[in-house]
Amino acid sequence: MRVSVITPCYNGGAFLPRCCASVADQGEALAEHIVADGGSTDGTVEWLKRQRNLRWVSEKDRGMYDAINKGFRMAGGDIVAHLNCDEQYLPGTLAAVADVFARHPGVDIVFGDLVLVRPDGSPLAFRKAYPLRWPYVAASFLYVSTCTLFYRRRLIEEGLRLDAEYKTAGDADFVVRLLRAGYRTFHVKRFLSAFTMTGSNMGSSDAAAGEGNILYARAPGWVRRTAWLLRALRLLEKGLSGAYAHRGPVSYSIYTNDSPACRKPFKAESLSCRWKTS
């Protein structure tokens, strides 16, 4: 099975080469990488012109989700995903995901675990996923990182798209709509991706908080009335699933500024799930 990876980009040249390298070394037979650039002015387009293993387009768009939708329309893989410039796949990720889809034909959405890293690649924290339930997301936030989410192509063929009216919360809205429609999920219990905490990540912005409030206001009345209970149940299920703990060291390898041509290995003997920024 082949995975089409969409990377939305606008002036993301500082991180884009690392992101692309992490897709390219998954294997050409596994990965198709499409960069949907919004008309960058930081040298990104010139860099893209020199790449031979990428499909790309650079033109004005309506934001990140419009760019991702554009990439979905271009995609030819059996599986689709989107990976932002400041994110990377870990070794073997696409093979593991493709194997799950191949072995479970009834599964529509696959997701996994995440390592949070500093801009230099050093470890900050881990994020383990747990059961993805739309009332939990509607009552709080999308607690599974999009860089670990993969969708079967038939979802796109059935006309499902991200809502480009959103600027930061379109992925949460998309996941809620998919889950409410009955699409089935599968949790791969391994670290699939690395997310770089740059200090300017959109998910932690004021705009993200505002759009989260909009999503909450649009949730069914019973979700809003029982939001306190749903949040408590989410945290309970998170704890029971083991998402707060990790036994043993966390090892991973990613591309960094001082190692742009090959992955640099990192190992944290003890890593917390707590969100850290320094």
Protein backbone atom coordinates (compact mmCIF):
# COMPACT_ATOMS: atom_id res chain seq x y z
CA MET A 1 0.00 0.00 0.00
CA ARG A 2 1.21 3.51 -0.82
CA VAL A 3 0.88 6.56 1.43
CA SER A 4 0.34 10.06 0.02
CA VAL A 5 1.75 12.58 2.50
CA ILE A 6 0.60 16.19 2.15
CA THR A 7 2.73 18.96 3.62
CA PRO A 8 1.13 22.42 3.74
CA CYS A 9 3.76 25.12 3.72
CA TYR A 10 4.13 28.87 3.88
CA ASN A 11 7.60 30.28 4.56
CA GLY A 12 8.51 27.04 6.30
CA GLY A 13 11.91 26.66 4.68
CA ALA A 14 13.74 26.39 7.99
CA PHE A 15 12.08 23.04 8.74
CA LEU A 16 10.75 21.77 5.40
CA PRO A 17 13.93 19.94 4.26
CA ARG A 18 13.95 17.88 7.49
CA CYS A 19 10.28 17.03 7.10
CA CYS A 20 10.78 15.96 3.49
CA ALA A 21 13.84 13.87 4.33
CA SER A 22 11.84 11.98 6.96
CA VAL A 23 9.28 11.01 4.31
CA ALA A 24 11.81 10.24 1.57
CA ASP A 25 13.72 7.67 3.62
CA GLN A 26 10.54 5.68 4.31
CA GLY A 27 11.00 4.23 0.81
CA GLU A 28 9.87 5.39 -2.62
CA ALA A 29 7.58 2.36 -2.97
CA LEU A 30 5.74 3.43 0.20
CA ALA A 31 5.60 7.20 0.02
CA GLU A 32 4.32 9.88 -2.31
CA HIS A 33 5.10 13.33 -0.93
CA ILE A 34 3.17 16.41 -2.05
CA VAL A 35 4.08 19.90 -0.82
CA ALA A 36 1.26 22.43 -1.11
CA ASP A 37 2.98 25.80 -0.75
CA GLY A 38 1.04 29.02 -0.31
CA GLY A 39 3.45 31.22 -2.25
CA SER A 40 6.42 31.36 0.10
CA THR A 41 8.93 34.21 -0.11
CA ASP A 42 11.69 32.73 2.07
CA GLY A 43 13.46 30.64 -0.57
CA THR A 44 11.17 27.62 -0.17
CA VAL A 45 10.07 27.67 -3.82
CA GLU A 46 13.66 27.80 -5.05
CA TRP A 47 14.46 24.80 -2.82
CA LEU A 48 11.43 22.90 -4.12
CA LYS A 49 12.54 23.45 -7.72
CA ARG A 50 15.74 21.54 -6.96
CA GLN A 51 13.95 18.46 -5.55
CA ARG A 52 13.36 15.44 -7.75
CA ASN A 53 11.42 13.21 -5.35
CA LEU A 54 8.60 15.66 -4.58
CA ARG A 55 5.38 16.74 -6.20
CA TRP A 56 4.61 20.32 -5.34
CA VAL A 57 2.55 23.36 -6.15
CA SER A 58 3.07 26.94 -5.03
CA GLU A 59 0.20 29.38 -5.28
CA LYS A 60 -1.95 31.55 -3.08
CA ASP A 61 -4.41 29.62 -0.91
CA ARG A 62 -6.89 30.23 1.91
CA GLY A 63 -4.68 28.75 4.58
CA MET A 64 -3.36 25.43 5.83
CA TYR A 65 -6.54 23.40 5.41
CA ASP A 66 -7.15 24.67 1.90
CA ALA A 67 -3.58 23.61 1.06
CA ILE A 68 -4.14 20.14 2.54
CA ASN A 69 -7.36 19.70 0.57
CA LYS A 70 -5.47 20.67 -2.57
CA GLY A 71 -2.92 17.97 -1.80
CA PHE A 72 -5.67 15.42 -1.16
CA ARG A 73 -7.02 16.10 -4.65
CA MET A 74 -3.55 15.47 -6.11
CA ALA A 75 -2.91 12.32 -4.05
CA GLY A 76 -2.71 8.91 -5.66
CA GLY A 77 -1.94 6.72 -2.64
CA ASP A 78 -4.12 4.13 -0.90
CA ILE A 79 -3.62 6.05 2.36
CA VAL A 80 -3.47 9.83 2.88
CA ALA A 81 -1.98 11.91 5.68
CA HIS A 82 -0.70 15.40 6.31
CA LEU A 83 2.59 16.30 7.93
CA ASN A 84 3.48 19.89 8.79
CA CYS A 85 6.92 21.38 8.12
CA ASP A 86 7.92 21.22 11.79
CA GLU A 87 7.04 17.51 12.05
CA GLN A 88 8.85 14.33 10.99
CA TYR A 89 8.03 10.66 10.62
CA LEU A 90 10.20 8.29 12.62
CA PRO A 91 11.92 5.35 10.87
CA GLY A 92 9.53 2.61 9.74
CA THR A 93 6.38 4.64 10.37
CA LEU A 94 4.81 4.31 6.94
CA ALA A 95 5.55 0.59 6.72
CA ALA A 96 3.90 0.02 10.11
CA VAL A 97 0.84 2.06 9.17
CA ALA A 98 0.47 0.41 5.76
CA ASP A 99 0.68 -3.00 7.44
CA VAL A 100 -2.20 -2.13 9.80
CA PHE A 101 -4.41 -0.99 6.93
CA ALA A 102 -3.56 -4.11 4.93
CA ARG A 103 -4.33 -6.46 7.83
CA HIS A 104 -7.51 -4.66 8.90
CA PRO A 105 -9.62 -3.83 5.82
CA GLY A 106 -12.43 -2.49 8.00
CA VAL A 107 -10.21 0.17 9.59
CA ASP A 108 -10.52 3.69 8.15
CA ILE A 109 -8.27 5.76 10.44
CA VAL A 110 -4.95 4.82 12.05
CA PHE A 111 -3.18 6.88 14.70
CA GLY A 112 -0.25 6.46 17.07
CA ASP A 113 2.11 7.97 19.60
CA LEU A 114 4.38 11.01 19.44
CA VAL A 115 7.68 12.43 20.69
CA LEU A 116 7.88 16.16 21.39
CA VAL A 117 11.31 17.64 20.60
CA ARG A 118 13.13 20.95 20.79
CA PRO A 119 14.29 22.70 17.57
CA ASP A 120 17.71 21.03 18.00
CA GLY A 121 16.02 17.61 18.10
CA SER A 122 16.54 16.89 21.80
CA PRO A 123 13.62 15.29 23.66
CA LEU A 124 10.99 17.23 25.59
CA ALA A 125 8.20 14.76 26.33
CA PHE A 126 6.19 11.89 24.94
CA ARG A 127 2.55 11.83 23.98
CA LYS A 128 0.81 8.46 23.99
CA ALA A 129 -2.51 8.21 22.24
CA TYR A 130 -5.62 6.60 23.68
CA PRO A 131 -9.09 5.74 22.29
CA LEU A 132 -10.31 8.43 19.93
CA ARG A 133 -13.93 9.32 20.74
CA TRP A 134 -15.73 12.25 19.14
CA PRO A 135 -17.61 13.43 22.29
CA TYR A 136 -14.25 13.70 24.07
CA VAL A 137 -12.84 15.81 21.23
CA ALA A 138 -15.97 17.97 20.99
CA ALA A 139 -15.94 18.60 24.74
CA SER A 140 -12.23 19.42 24.96
CA PHE A 141 -9.70 19.30 22.10
CA LEU A 142 -8.14 16.97 19.53
CA TYR A 143 -5.82 14.98 21.80
CA VAL A 144 -4.31 12.87 19.00
CA SER A 145 -1.66 14.71 17.00
CA THR A 146 -2.39 15.03 13.30
CA CYS A 147 1.17 14.00 12.43
CA THR A 148 0.27 10.51 13.67
CA LEU A 149 -3.09 10.33 11.86
CA PHE A 150 -3.60 8.40 8.62
CA TYR A 151 -6.78 7.97 6.58
CA ARG A 152 -7.85 5.43 4.04
CA ARG A 153 -8.17 7.09 0.66
CA ARG A 154 -11.82 6.12 0.33
CA LEU A 155 -12.71 8.83 2.87
CA ILE A 156 -11.44 11.43 0.42
CA GLU A 157 -13.12 9.71 -2.51
CA GLU A 158 -16.39 9.93 -0.60
CA GLY A 159 -16.06 13.71 -0.60
CA LEU A 160 -14.80 14.35 2.93
CA ARG A 161 -12.56 17.39 3.23
CA LEU A 162 -11.15 19.70 5.87
CA ASP A 163 -13.18 22.88 6.35
CA ALA A 164 -10.95 25.67 5.00
CA GLU A 165 -12.93 28.30 6.91
CA TYR A 166 -10.98 27.24 9.99
CA LYS A 167 -7.39 28.40 10.44
CA THR A 168 -6.29 26.21 13.38
CA ALA A 169 -9.11 23.84 14.38
CA GLY A 170 -10.02 22.30 11.03
CA ASP A 171 -8.35 19.01 11.94
CA ALA A 172 -10.44 18.65 15.13
CA ASP A 173 -13.62 19.43 13.17
CA PHE A 174 -12.61 16.88 10.51
CA VAL A 175 -11.95 14.11 13.03
CA VAL A 176 -15.24 14.76 14.84
CA ARG A 177 -17.14 14.54 11.56
CA LEU A 178 -15.39 11.29 10.61
CA LEU A 179 -16.05 9.65 13.96
CA ARG A 180 -19.68 10.77 14.04
CA ALA A 181 -20.11 9.22 10.58
CA GLY A 182 -18.99 5.86 11.97
CA TYR A 183 -15.52 5.51 10.48
CA ARG A 184 -13.42 3.01 12.42
CA THR A 185 -10.09 3.72 14.11
CA PHE A 186 -7.02 1.71 15.13
CA HIS A 187 -4.28 2.77 17.58
CA VAL A 188 -0.73 1.76 16.64
CA LYS A 189 1.05 1.54 19.98
CA ARG A 190 4.42 2.89 18.87
CA PHE A 191 6.02 6.28 18.38
CA LEU A 192 5.27 7.31 14.81
CA SER A 193 6.31 10.96 14.61
CA ALA A 194 8.31 13.78 16.14
CA PHE A 195 6.73 17.20 16.69
CA THR A 196 9.07 20.18 17.02
CA MET A 197 8.11 22.75 19.65
CA THR A 198 9.21 25.92 17.87
CA GLY A 199 7.46 28.40 20.18
CA SER A 200 5.17 29.53 17.37
CA ASN A 201 3.13 26.36 16.79
CA MET A 202 -0.39 27.24 15.67
CA GLY A 203 -2.04 24.78 18.04
CA SER A 204 -0.96 26.82 21.07
CA SER A 205 -2.04 30.21 19.68
CA ASP A 206 -4.90 32.45 20.82
CA ALA A 207 -6.58 31.77 17.47
CA ALA A 208 -6.58 28.05 18.24
CA ALA A 209 -8.28 28.68 21.58
CA GLY A 210 -10.89 30.86 19.88
CA GLU A 211 -11.68 28.29 17.23
CA GLY A 212 -11.82 25.59 19.88
CA ASN A 213 -14.59 27.59 21.53
CA ILE A 214 -16.43 27.75 18.21
CA LEU A 215 -16.24 23.97 17.83
CA TYR A 216 -17.50 23.52 21.38
CA ALA A 217 -20.42 25.88 20.73
CA ARG A 218 -21.37 23.84 17.66
CA ALA A 219 -21.35 20.53 19.53
CA PRO A 220 -24.67 18.83 20.30
CA GLY A 221 -26.47 20.16 23.35
CA TRP A 222 -25.96 16.96 25.33
CA VAL A 223 -22.19 17.23 24.81
CA ARG A 224 -22.14 20.79 26.14
CA ARG A 225 -24.38 19.91 29.09
CA THR A 226 -22.19 16.97 30.09
CA ALA A 227 -18.82 18.41 29.06
CA TRP A 228 -17.45 18.23 32.62
CA LEU A 229 -18.28 14.52 32.76
CA LEU A 230 -16.88 13.81 29.29
CA ARG A 231 -13.61 15.53 30.23
CA ALA A 232 -13.38 13.49 33.41
CA LEU A 233 -14.09 10.28 31.51
CA ARG A 234 -11.46 11.19 28.91
CA LEU A 235 -8.81 11.64 31.59
CA LEU A 236 -9.86 8.43 33.30
CA GLU A 237 -9.60 6.48 30.04
CA LYS A 238 -6.27 8.12 29.34
CA GLY A 239 -4.95 6.90 32.68
CA LEU A 240 -6.37 3.40 32.33
CA SER A 241 -4.84 3.07 28.85
CA GLY A 242 -1.35 3.78 30.19
CA ALA A 243 -0.89 7.05 28.32
CA TYR A 244 0.66 8.80 31.32
CA ALA A 245 3.62 6.45 31.64
CA HIS A 246 6.39 4.87 29.60
CA ARG A 247 8.66 2.13 30.83
CA GLY A 248 12.29 2.32 29.87
CA PRO A 249 14.14 4.78 27.64
CA VAL A 250 12.68 6.55 24.62
CA SER A 251 14.92 6.27 21.57
CA TYR A 252 14.35 7.92 18.21
CA SER A 253 16.27 9.43 15.31
CA ILE A 254 15.38 12.52 13.29
CA TYR A 255 16.94 15.08 10.96
CA THR A 256 18.39 18.21 12.56
CA ASN A 257 20.17 21.40 11.52
CA ASP A 258 23.54 19.85 12.33
CA SER A 259 22.60 16.54 10.70
CA PRO A 260 20.51 17.40 7.62
CA ALA A 261 21.68 14.47 5.47
CA CYS A 262 21.17 11.60 7.91
CA ARG A 263 19.11 10.96 10.99
CA LYS A 264 20.64 11.88 14.33
CA PRO A 265 19.90 9.42 17.15
CA PHE A 266 18.56 10.56 20.53
CA LYS A 267 17.88 8.60 23.69
CA ALA A 268 16.08 9.76 26.81
CA GLU A 269 16.57 7.40 29.74
CA SER A 270 13.53 8.86 31.45
CA LEU A 271 10.94 10.98 29.66
CA SER A 272 7.76 12.47 31.03
CA CYS A 273 4.36 12.95 29.42
CA ARG A 274 4.19 16.43 30.92
CA TRP A 275 4.22 19.31 28.46
CA LYS A 276 7.54 21.09 28.68
CA THR A 277 8.75 24.07 26.69
CA SER A 278 12.34 24.32 27.86
